[in-house]
Amino acid sequence: MVPGYGNSGPLHWQSLWEAQHPAYQRVEQDDWEQPHVQAWVDTLNAAIHQAPQSVVLVAHSLGCMTVVRWAQQYTGNVVGALLVAPVDLDEPTNIPLPVRQGAFTPIPLEPLPFPTIVVASTSDPYAHISRAEVFAKAWGASFVDVGDCGHLSADAGFGPWAAGEQLLADLIRRA
């Protein structure tokens, strides 16, 4: 699990999935409130290399950009990624200032070296659906439009998110 800015709280679907699946591990950043791209990427890299088996990354929000940046710099035993609600850092109008200052821009638009699914909402305040689709195409990912679902977070009313678990199961089968 690769949460975004502020981490994923106890009611977030990532946290709920972790509670249901003890094998799921969260990448714990040193500073969730002042994200810096290289620190976050290096922490992700360390977690990937400590994993005893192949890894499927499940990222949300700024965590998606961390995964994409990781793939530019490193290799590892990553066999797939579910990228949910990627933020559009190139359009910072609604993005919190600490995120904008964390050097995550420009957004990489190179293909990812593993099967990927990008999930986005038509009402995400942090990325227009058309931009999320551009990201998916550039990254060589499948694209899933889930409709009017906000930022796909606990604040947007997402709890366990069974449809997301099905997407993850499909991705694992492909990987």
N, C-alpha and C. Protein backbone atom coordinates (compact mmCIF):
# COMPACT_ATOMS: atom_id res chain seq x y z
N MET A 1 0.85 -1.18 0.00
CA MET A 1 0.00 0.00 0.00
C MET A 1 0.89 1.24 0.00
N VAL A 2 0.60 2.13 -0.92
CA VAL A 2 1.39 3.36 -1.06
C VAL A 2 0.41 4.54 -0.93
N PRO A 3 0.18 5.00 0.31
CA PRO A 3 -0.75 6.13 0.50
C PRO A 3 -0.18 7.44 -0.04
N GLY A 4 -1.05 8.43 -0.08
CA GLY A 4 -0.65 9.75 -0.53
C GLY A 4 -0.46 10.71 0.63
N TYR A 5 -0.52 11.97 0.29
CA TYR A 5 -0.33 13.07 1.25
C TYR A 5 -1.21 12.87 2.48
N GLY A 6 -0.62 12.95 3.65
CA GLY A 6 -1.36 12.84 4.90
C GLY A 6 -1.60 11.42 5.37
N ASN A 7 -1.21 10.42 4.54
CA ASN A 7 -1.41 9.01 4.85
C ASN A 7 -2.90 8.67 4.69
N SER A 8 -3.23 7.44 4.75
CA SER A 8 -4.62 6.98 4.65
C SER A 8 -5.11 6.64 6.05
N GLY A 9 -6.16 7.32 6.48
CA GLY A 9 -6.69 7.12 7.82
C GLY A 9 -7.36 5.78 8.01
N PRO A 10 -7.85 5.50 9.21
CA PRO A 10 -8.40 4.19 9.55
C PRO A 10 -9.65 3.81 8.75
N LEU A 11 -10.37 4.77 8.20
CA LEU A 11 -11.58 4.46 7.43
C LEU A 11 -11.33 4.44 5.92
N HIS A 12 -10.11 4.73 5.51
CA HIS A 12 -9.74 4.72 4.09
C HIS A 12 -9.71 3.28 3.58
N TRP A 13 -10.09 3.07 2.35
CA TRP A 13 -10.13 1.71 1.79
C TRP A 13 -8.77 1.02 1.88
N GLN A 14 -7.66 1.76 1.75
CA GLN A 14 -6.35 1.11 1.88
C GLN A 14 -6.18 0.51 3.27
N SER A 15 -6.55 1.27 4.29
CA SER A 15 -6.44 0.78 5.67
C SER A 15 -7.36 -0.40 5.92
N LEU A 16 -8.57 -0.34 5.37
CA LEU A 16 -9.51 -1.44 5.54
C LEU A 16 -9.02 -2.71 4.85
N TRP A 17 -8.44 -2.55 3.67
CA TRP A 17 -7.87 -3.71 2.98
C TRP A 17 -6.73 -4.32 3.78
N GLU A 18 -5.88 -3.47 4.33
CA GLU A 18 -4.77 -3.97 5.15
C GLU A 18 -5.27 -4.75 6.36
N ALA A 19 -6.33 -4.27 6.98
CA ALA A 19 -6.89 -4.96 8.15
C ALA A 19 -7.43 -6.34 7.76
N GLN A 20 -7.96 -6.46 6.55
CA GLN A 20 -8.50 -7.74 6.08
C GLN A 20 -7.42 -8.69 5.58
N HIS A 21 -6.32 -8.15 5.14
CA HIS A 21 -5.27 -8.96 4.51
C HIS A 21 -3.93 -8.70 5.19
N PRO A 22 -3.57 -9.48 6.19
CA PRO A 22 -2.33 -9.25 6.94
C PRO A 22 -1.07 -9.23 6.08
N ALA A 23 -1.11 -9.83 4.89
CA ALA A 23 0.07 -9.83 4.02
C ALA A 23 0.29 -8.46 3.36
N TYR A 24 -0.75 -7.63 3.32
CA TYR A 24 -0.60 -6.30 2.72
C TYR A 24 0.24 -5.43 3.66
N GLN A 25 1.23 -4.78 3.10
CA GLN A 25 2.12 -3.93 3.89
C GLN A 25 2.02 -2.49 3.41
N ARG A 26 2.00 -1.56 4.34
CA ARG A 26 1.97 -0.13 4.02
C ARG A 26 3.40 0.40 3.95
N VAL A 27 3.66 1.21 2.94
CA VAL A 27 4.92 1.94 2.87
C VAL A 27 4.77 3.13 3.82
N GLU A 28 5.60 3.17 4.85
CA GLU A 28 5.51 4.24 5.86
C GLU A 28 6.53 5.33 5.58
N GLN A 29 6.03 6.48 5.16
CA GLN A 29 6.90 7.62 4.90
C GLN A 29 7.29 8.29 6.21
N ASP A 30 8.46 8.91 6.24
CA ASP A 30 8.92 9.61 7.44
C ASP A 30 8.08 10.85 7.73
N ASP A 31 7.62 11.51 6.67
CA ASP A 31 6.85 12.74 6.86
C ASP A 31 5.68 12.76 5.87
N TRP A 32 4.49 12.49 6.38
CA TRP A 32 3.30 12.45 5.54
C TRP A 32 2.80 13.85 5.19
N GLU A 33 3.20 14.86 5.95
CA GLU A 33 2.67 16.21 5.76
C GLU A 33 3.58 17.12 4.95
N GLN A 34 4.85 16.76 4.81
CA GLN A 34 5.81 17.54 4.03
C GLN A 34 6.49 16.59 3.04
N PRO A 35 5.77 16.14 2.02
CA PRO A 35 6.33 15.14 1.11
C PRO A 35 7.44 15.71 0.22
N HIS A 36 8.49 14.95 0.08
CA HIS A 36 9.58 15.29 -0.83
C HIS A 36 9.83 14.08 -1.71
N VAL A 37 9.83 14.31 -3.00
CA VAL A 37 9.80 13.22 -3.95
C VAL A 37 10.91 12.20 -3.72
N GLN A 38 12.16 12.62 -3.56
CA GLN A 38 13.24 11.64 -3.47
C GLN A 38 13.15 10.84 -2.18
N ALA A 39 12.77 11.47 -1.10
CA ALA A 39 12.61 10.73 0.16
C ALA A 39 11.51 9.69 0.03
N TRP A 40 10.38 10.08 -0.57
CA TRP A 40 9.27 9.14 -0.72
C TRP A 40 9.64 8.00 -1.67
N VAL A 41 10.32 8.32 -2.77
CA VAL A 41 10.73 7.29 -3.73
C VAL A 41 11.73 6.34 -3.09
N ASP A 42 12.69 6.87 -2.35
CA ASP A 42 13.68 6.01 -1.70
C ASP A 42 13.05 5.10 -0.65
N THR A 43 12.07 5.61 0.09
CA THR A 43 11.37 4.79 1.07
C THR A 43 10.60 3.68 0.37
N LEU A 44 9.95 4.00 -0.72
CA LEU A 44 9.25 2.98 -1.50
C LEU A 44 10.24 1.94 -2.02
N ASN A 45 11.37 2.38 -2.52
CA ASN A 45 12.38 1.46 -3.04
C ASN A 45 12.86 0.50 -1.96
N ALA A 46 13.11 1.01 -0.78
CA ALA A 46 13.56 0.16 0.33
C ALA A 46 12.49 -0.88 0.67
N ALA A 47 11.22 -0.46 0.70
CA ALA A 47 10.13 -1.40 1.02
C ALA A 47 10.02 -2.49 -0.05
N ILE A 48 10.14 -2.11 -1.30
CA ILE A 48 10.06 -3.09 -2.40
C ILE A 48 11.18 -4.11 -2.26
N HIS A 49 12.38 -3.64 -1.97
CA HIS A 49 13.52 -4.55 -1.90
C HIS A 49 13.54 -5.39 -0.62
N GLN A 50 12.77 -5.02 0.37
CA GLN A 50 12.65 -5.83 1.59
C GLN A 50 11.55 -6.90 1.47
N ALA A 51 10.73 -6.79 0.45
CA ALA A 51 9.62 -7.73 0.28
C ALA A 51 10.18 -9.12 -0.05
N PRO A 52 9.61 -10.16 0.57
CA PRO A 52 10.12 -11.51 0.35
C PRO A 52 9.69 -12.12 -0.98
N GLN A 53 8.78 -11.47 -1.68
CA GLN A 53 8.28 -12.01 -2.95
C GLN A 53 7.91 -10.86 -3.87
N SER A 54 7.41 -11.19 -5.04
CA SER A 54 7.00 -10.16 -5.99
C SER A 54 5.96 -9.25 -5.37
N VAL A 55 5.93 -8.00 -5.84
CA VAL A 55 5.11 -6.96 -5.24
C VAL A 55 4.12 -6.41 -6.26
N VAL A 56 2.88 -6.22 -5.82
CA VAL A 56 1.89 -5.44 -6.56
C VAL A 56 1.65 -4.20 -5.71
N LEU A 57 1.90 -3.04 -6.30
CA LEU A 57 1.73 -1.78 -5.58
C LEU A 57 0.30 -1.29 -5.71
N VAL A 58 -0.26 -0.83 -4.61
CA VAL A 58 -1.61 -0.26 -4.58
C VAL A 58 -1.46 1.16 -4.03
N ALA A 59 -1.53 2.13 -4.95
CA ALA A 59 -1.24 3.51 -4.58
C ALA A 59 -2.48 4.39 -4.69
N HIS A 60 -2.51 5.42 -3.85
CA HIS A 60 -3.60 6.39 -3.88
C HIS A 60 -3.01 7.79 -3.94
N SER A 61 -3.56 8.64 -4.79
CA SER A 61 -3.27 10.06 -4.82
C SER A 61 -1.79 10.34 -5.08
N LEU A 62 -1.11 11.01 -4.18
CA LEU A 62 0.32 11.31 -4.35
C LEU A 62 1.15 10.03 -4.34
N GLY A 63 0.63 8.98 -3.74
CA GLY A 63 1.31 7.68 -3.80
C GLY A 63 1.46 7.19 -5.23
N CYS A 64 0.50 7.53 -6.10
CA CYS A 64 0.60 7.15 -7.51
C CYS A 64 1.83 7.80 -8.15
N MET A 65 2.02 9.07 -7.85
CA MET A 65 3.17 9.77 -8.43
C MET A 65 4.48 9.25 -7.85
N THR A 66 4.43 8.78 -6.62
CA THR A 66 5.62 8.17 -6.02
C THR A 66 5.98 6.89 -6.78
N VAL A 67 4.98 6.09 -7.10
CA VAL A 67 5.21 4.85 -7.86
C VAL A 67 5.78 5.17 -9.24
N VAL A 68 5.20 6.14 -9.92
CA VAL A 68 5.66 6.50 -11.27
C VAL A 68 7.10 7.01 -11.22
N ARG A 69 7.42 7.82 -10.25
CA ARG A 69 8.80 8.31 -10.08
C ARG A 69 9.75 7.16 -9.75
N TRP A 70 9.31 6.23 -8.91
CA TRP A 70 10.14 5.07 -8.57
C TRP A 70 10.51 4.31 -9.84
N ALA A 71 9.51 4.09 -10.71
CA ALA A 71 9.74 3.31 -11.93
C ALA A 71 10.72 4.00 -12.87
N GLN A 72 10.86 5.31 -12.78
CA GLN A 72 11.84 6.05 -13.59
C GLN A 72 13.26 5.80 -13.10
N GLN A 73 13.41 5.59 -11.80
CA GLN A 73 14.74 5.54 -11.19
C GLN A 73 15.25 4.16 -10.84
N TYR A 74 14.34 3.24 -10.54
CA TYR A 74 14.74 1.97 -9.97
C TYR A 74 14.08 0.80 -10.70
N THR A 75 14.59 -0.37 -10.41
CA THR A 75 13.93 -1.61 -10.81
C THR A 75 13.78 -2.45 -9.55
N GLY A 76 12.92 -3.41 -9.62
CA GLY A 76 12.69 -4.28 -8.48
C GLY A 76 11.67 -5.32 -8.85
N ASN A 77 11.25 -6.07 -7.87
CA ASN A 77 10.34 -7.17 -8.13
C ASN A 77 8.87 -6.73 -8.13
N VAL A 78 8.58 -5.60 -8.79
CA VAL A 78 7.22 -5.11 -8.94
C VAL A 78 6.61 -5.75 -10.18
N VAL A 79 5.46 -6.40 -10.00
CA VAL A 79 4.82 -7.08 -11.11
C VAL A 79 3.50 -6.44 -11.52
N GLY A 80 3.11 -5.36 -10.85
CA GLY A 80 1.89 -4.66 -11.21
C GLY A 80 1.62 -3.49 -10.28
N ALA A 81 0.73 -2.59 -10.74
CA ALA A 81 0.36 -1.44 -9.91
C ALA A 81 -1.08 -1.04 -10.17
N LEU A 82 -1.80 -0.81 -9.08
CA LEU A 82 -3.14 -0.24 -9.11
C LEU A 82 -2.99 1.20 -8.63
N LEU A 83 -3.17 2.15 -9.54
CA LEU A 83 -2.97 3.57 -9.23
C LEU A 83 -4.34 4.25 -9.18
N VAL A 84 -4.74 4.64 -7.98
CA VAL A 84 -6.09 5.15 -7.75
C VAL A 84 -6.05 6.65 -7.46
N ALA A 85 -6.81 7.40 -8.23
CA ALA A 85 -6.95 8.85 -8.06
C ALA A 85 -5.62 9.58 -8.11
N PRO A 86 -4.86 9.41 -9.22
CA PRO A 86 -3.59 10.14 -9.32
C PRO A 86 -3.85 11.65 -9.33
N VAL A 87 -3.01 12.38 -8.65
CA VAL A 87 -3.17 13.84 -8.59
C VAL A 87 -2.48 14.49 -9.78
N ASP A 88 -3.05 15.58 -10.25
CA ASP A 88 -2.46 16.33 -11.36
C ASP A 88 -1.63 17.46 -10.79
N LEU A 89 -0.39 17.19 -10.53
CA LEU A 89 0.50 18.17 -9.92
C LEU A 89 0.93 19.26 -10.89
N ASP A 90 0.71 19.04 -12.17
CA ASP A 90 1.03 20.07 -13.16
C ASP A 90 -0.05 21.15 -13.18
N GLU A 91 -1.17 20.90 -12.52
CA GLU A 91 -2.28 21.85 -12.41
C GLU A 91 -2.57 22.07 -10.92
N PRO A 92 -1.78 22.91 -10.26
CA PRO A 92 -1.78 22.94 -8.78
C PRO A 92 -2.87 23.75 -8.10
N THR A 93 -3.92 24.12 -8.78
CA THR A 93 -4.90 25.01 -8.15
C THR A 93 -5.47 24.46 -6.85
N ASN A 94 -5.77 23.17 -6.78
CA ASN A 94 -6.37 22.59 -5.58
C ASN A 94 -5.40 21.76 -4.75
N ILE A 95 -4.17 21.67 -5.18
CA ILE A 95 -3.19 20.81 -4.51
C ILE A 95 -2.61 21.54 -3.31
N PRO A 96 -2.56 20.91 -2.13
CA PRO A 96 -2.00 21.57 -0.95
C PRO A 96 -0.56 22.04 -1.18
N LEU A 97 -0.22 23.19 -0.63
CA LEU A 97 1.10 23.79 -0.82
C LEU A 97 2.26 22.84 -0.50
N PRO A 98 2.25 22.09 0.61
CA PRO A 98 3.39 21.20 0.87
C PRO A 98 3.62 20.17 -0.25
N VAL A 99 2.55 19.75 -0.89
CA VAL A 99 2.70 18.80 -2.00
C VAL A 99 3.32 19.51 -3.19
N ARG A 100 2.86 20.71 -3.50
CA ARG A 100 3.40 21.47 -4.63
C ARG A 100 4.88 21.77 -4.44
N GLN A 101 5.31 21.92 -3.20
CA GLN A 101 6.71 22.24 -2.92
C GLN A 101 7.59 20.99 -2.82
N GLY A 102 7.00 19.81 -2.96
CA GLY A 102 7.74 18.57 -2.77
C GLY A 102 8.50 18.07 -3.99
N ALA A 103 8.55 18.85 -5.07
CA ALA A 103 9.32 18.55 -6.27
C ALA A 103 8.83 17.31 -7.02
N PHE A 104 7.53 17.05 -7.00
CA PHE A 104 6.98 15.91 -7.73
C PHE A 104 6.69 16.24 -9.20
N THR A 105 6.88 17.49 -9.62
CA THR A 105 6.61 17.87 -11.00
C THR A 105 7.92 17.97 -11.78
N PRO A 106 7.87 17.85 -13.10
CA PRO A 106 6.69 17.52 -13.89
C PRO A 106 6.32 16.05 -13.75
N ILE A 107 5.09 15.74 -14.08
CA ILE A 107 4.62 14.36 -13.99
C ILE A 107 5.26 13.55 -15.10
N PRO A 108 5.92 12.45 -14.75
CA PRO A 108 6.51 11.59 -15.79
C PRO A 108 5.42 10.99 -16.67
N LEU A 109 5.69 10.95 -17.97
CA LEU A 109 4.72 10.41 -18.91
C LEU A 109 5.35 9.30 -19.77
N GLU A 110 6.20 8.49 -19.15
CA GLU A 110 6.80 7.36 -19.83
C GLU A 110 6.06 6.08 -19.43
N PRO A 111 6.06 5.07 -20.33
CA PRO A 111 5.39 3.81 -20.00
C PRO A 111 5.99 3.16 -18.76
N LEU A 112 5.14 2.55 -17.96
CA LEU A 112 5.58 1.81 -16.79
C LEU A 112 5.95 0.38 -17.21
N PRO A 113 6.95 -0.21 -16.55
CA PRO A 113 7.45 -1.52 -16.98
C PRO A 113 6.69 -2.71 -16.40
N PHE A 114 5.47 -2.48 -15.93
CA PHE A 114 4.67 -3.56 -15.35
C PHE A 114 3.20 -3.26 -15.62
N PRO A 115 2.34 -4.28 -15.62
CA PRO A 115 0.91 -4.05 -15.84
C PRO A 115 0.36 -3.07 -14.81
N THR A 116 -0.44 -2.14 -15.30
CA THR A 116 -0.95 -1.07 -14.43
C THR A 116 -2.40 -0.78 -14.77
N ILE A 117 -3.16 -0.47 -13.73
CA ILE A 117 -4.53 0.01 -13.88
C ILE A 117 -4.61 1.38 -13.20
N VAL A 118 -5.11 2.36 -13.92
CA VAL A 118 -5.36 3.70 -13.36
C VAL A 118 -6.86 3.83 -13.16
N VAL A 119 -7.25 4.20 -11.95
CA VAL A 119 -8.66 4.39 -11.59
C VAL A 119 -8.87 5.86 -11.29
N ALA A 120 -9.89 6.46 -11.90
CA ALA A 120 -10.14 7.88 -11.69
C ALA A 120 -11.63 8.16 -11.64
N SER A 121 -11.94 9.32 -11.09
CA SER A 121 -13.32 9.77 -10.89
C SER A 121 -13.59 11.02 -11.72
N THR A 122 -14.82 11.17 -12.15
CA THR A 122 -15.20 12.36 -12.91
C THR A 122 -15.30 13.61 -12.04
N SER A 123 -15.29 13.43 -10.72
CA SER A 123 -15.43 14.59 -9.83
C SER A 123 -14.26 14.74 -8.85
N ASP A 124 -13.10 14.19 -9.22
CA ASP A 124 -11.93 14.31 -8.36
C ASP A 124 -11.44 15.77 -8.37
N PRO A 125 -11.38 16.42 -7.22
CA PRO A 125 -10.94 17.82 -7.21
C PRO A 125 -9.44 17.99 -7.47
N TYR A 126 -8.68 16.89 -7.47
CA TYR A 126 -7.24 16.98 -7.63
C TYR A 126 -6.74 16.53 -9.00
N ALA A 127 -7.64 16.09 -9.87
CA ALA A 127 -7.26 15.75 -11.24
C ALA A 127 -8.51 15.60 -12.09
N HIS A 128 -8.55 16.32 -13.18
CA HIS A 128 -9.66 16.18 -14.12
C HIS A 128 -9.59 14.80 -14.75
N ILE A 129 -10.73 14.20 -15.00
CA ILE A 129 -10.78 12.85 -15.56
C ILE A 129 -9.98 12.75 -16.87
N SER A 130 -10.01 13.80 -17.67
CA SER A 130 -9.27 13.76 -18.94
C SER A 130 -7.76 13.68 -18.71
N ARG A 131 -7.28 14.33 -17.67
CA ARG A 131 -5.84 14.26 -17.35
C ARG A 131 -5.48 12.87 -16.82
N ALA A 132 -6.35 12.28 -16.01
CA ALA A 132 -6.08 10.93 -15.52
C ALA A 132 -6.01 9.96 -16.69
N GLU A 133 -6.86 10.18 -17.69
CA GLU A 133 -6.83 9.32 -18.87
C GLU A 133 -5.54 9.52 -19.67
N VAL A 134 -5.06 10.76 -19.75
CA VAL A 134 -3.77 11.04 -20.39
C VAL A 134 -2.65 10.29 -19.66
N PHE A 135 -2.69 10.34 -18.33
CA PHE A 135 -1.67 9.63 -17.55
C PHE A 135 -1.71 8.13 -17.88
N ALA A 136 -2.89 7.56 -17.85
CA ALA A 136 -3.03 6.12 -18.10
C ALA A 136 -2.47 5.75 -19.46
N LYS A 137 -2.82 6.52 -20.47
CA LYS A 137 -2.33 6.23 -21.82
C LYS A 137 -0.81 6.32 -21.87
N ALA A 138 -0.25 7.37 -21.32
CA ALA A 138 1.20 7.56 -21.33
C ALA A 138 1.93 6.46 -20.57
N TRP A 139 1.32 5.99 -19.48
CA TRP A 139 1.96 4.96 -18.65
C TRP A 139 1.71 3.55 -19.19
N GLY A 140 0.93 3.42 -20.27
CA GLY A 140 0.61 2.12 -20.82
C GLY A 140 -0.35 1.33 -19.95
N ALA A 141 -1.19 2.04 -19.23
CA ALA A 141 -2.08 1.43 -18.25
C ALA A 141 -3.49 1.26 -18.79
N SER A 142 -4.22 0.31 -18.22
CA SER A 142 -5.66 0.24 -18.42
C SER A 142 -6.28 1.40 -17.65
N PHE A 143 -7.41 1.90 -18.13
CA PHE A 143 -8.06 3.04 -17.49
C PHE A 143 -9.47 2.67 -17.06
N VAL A 144 -9.80 3.01 -15.82
CA VAL A 144 -11.14 2.75 -15.29
C VAL A 144 -11.72 4.06 -14.77
N ASP A 145 -12.82 4.48 -15.38
CA ASP A 145 -13.58 5.66 -14.95
C ASP A 145 -14.68 5.16 -14.03
N VAL A 146 -14.61 5.53 -12.74
CA VAL A 146 -15.60 5.05 -11.77
C VAL A 146 -16.77 6.02 -11.58
N GLY A 147 -16.80 7.08 -12.40
CA GLY A 147 -17.91 8.02 -12.30
C GLY A 147 -17.70 9.06 -11.22
N ASP A 148 -18.78 9.57 -10.70
CA ASP A 148 -18.79 10.67 -9.73
C ASP A 148 -18.45 10.14 -8.33
N CYS A 149 -17.17 10.04 -8.03
CA CYS A 149 -16.72 9.44 -6.76
C CYS A 149 -15.70 10.29 -6.01
N GLY A 150 -15.60 11.56 -6.34
CA GLY A 150 -14.66 12.42 -5.63
C GLY A 150 -13.23 11.91 -5.75
N HIS A 151 -12.48 11.99 -4.66
CA HIS A 151 -11.06 11.60 -4.66
C HIS A 151 -10.87 10.14 -4.24
N LEU A 152 -11.94 9.36 -4.28
CA LEU A 152 -11.90 7.93 -3.93
C LEU A 152 -11.23 7.72 -2.57
N SER A 153 -11.70 8.46 -1.60
CA SER A 153 -11.14 8.41 -0.25
C SER A 153 -12.27 8.25 0.76
N ALA A 154 -11.91 8.12 2.02
CA ALA A 154 -12.92 8.02 3.08
C ALA A 154 -13.79 9.27 3.10
N ASP A 155 -13.18 10.43 2.87
CA ASP A 155 -13.94 11.68 2.85
C ASP A 155 -14.97 11.70 1.73
N ALA A 156 -14.72 10.94 0.66
CA ALA A 156 -15.65 10.86 -0.46
C ALA A 156 -16.66 9.74 -0.28
N GLY A 157 -16.62 9.09 0.88
CA GLY A 157 -17.60 8.05 1.17
C GLY A 157 -17.17 6.64 0.84
N PHE A 158 -15.89 6.47 0.54
CA PHE A 158 -15.41 5.12 0.23
C PHE A 158 -15.01 4.40 1.49
N GLY A 159 -15.57 3.23 1.66
CA GLY A 159 -15.20 2.34 2.75
C GLY A 159 -14.38 1.20 2.20
N PRO A 160 -14.84 -0.02 2.36
CA PRO A 160 -14.06 -1.18 1.93
C PRO A 160 -13.79 -1.22 0.42
N TRP A 161 -14.63 -0.70 -0.42
CA TRP A 161 -14.48 -0.59 -1.86
C TRP A 161 -14.23 -1.94 -2.53
N ALA A 162 -15.27 -2.74 -2.55
CA ALA A 162 -15.23 -4.09 -3.13
C ALA A 162 -14.86 -4.06 -4.61
N ALA A 163 -15.34 -3.08 -5.35
CA ALA A 163 -15.00 -2.99 -6.78
C ALA A 163 -13.50 -2.78 -6.97
N GLY A 164 -12.88 -2.04 -6.07
CA GLY A 164 -11.43 -1.85 -6.13
C GLY A 164 -10.70 -3.15 -5.86
N GLU A 165 -11.21 -3.93 -4.90
CA GLU A 165 -10.59 -5.23 -4.62
C GLU A 165 -10.70 -6.15 -5.82
N GLN A 166 -11.78 -6.05 -6.57
CA GLN A 166 -11.91 -6.87 -7.79
C GLN A 166 -10.90 -6.43 -8.84
N LEU A 167 -10.70 -5.12 -8.98
CA LEU A 167 -9.68 -4.62 -9.91
C LEU A 167 -8.30 -5.14 -9.51
N LEU A 168 -8.01 -5.13 -8.21
CA LEU A 168 -6.73 -5.64 -7.74
C LEU A 168 -6.60 -7.13 -8.03
N ALA A 169 -7.65 -7.90 -7.80
CA ALA A 169 -7.61 -9.33 -8.09
C ALA A 169 -7.37 -9.57 -9.58
N ASP A 170 -8.00 -8.79 -10.43
CA ASP A 170 -7.79 -8.91 -11.88
C ASP A 170 -6.34 -8.60 -12.24
N LEU A 171 -5.80 -7.56 -11.63
CA LEU A 171 -4.41 -7.18 -11.88
C LEU A 171 -3.44 -8.28 -11.42
N ILE A 172 -3.70 -8.84 -10.26
CA ILE A 172 -2.84 -9.91 -9.75
C ILE A 172 -2.88 -11.11 -10.69
N ARG A 173 -4.03 -11.43 -11.23
CA ARG A 173 -4.12 -12.53 -12.19
C ARG A 173 -3.28 -12.24 -13.43
N ARG A 174 -3.32 -10.99 -13.90
CA ARG A 174 -2.51 -10.61 -15.08
C ARG A 174 -1.03 -10.63 -14.78
N ALA A 175 -0.69 -10.26 -13.56
CA ALA A 175 0.72 -10.19 -13.18
C ALA A 175 1.29 -11.60 -13.04
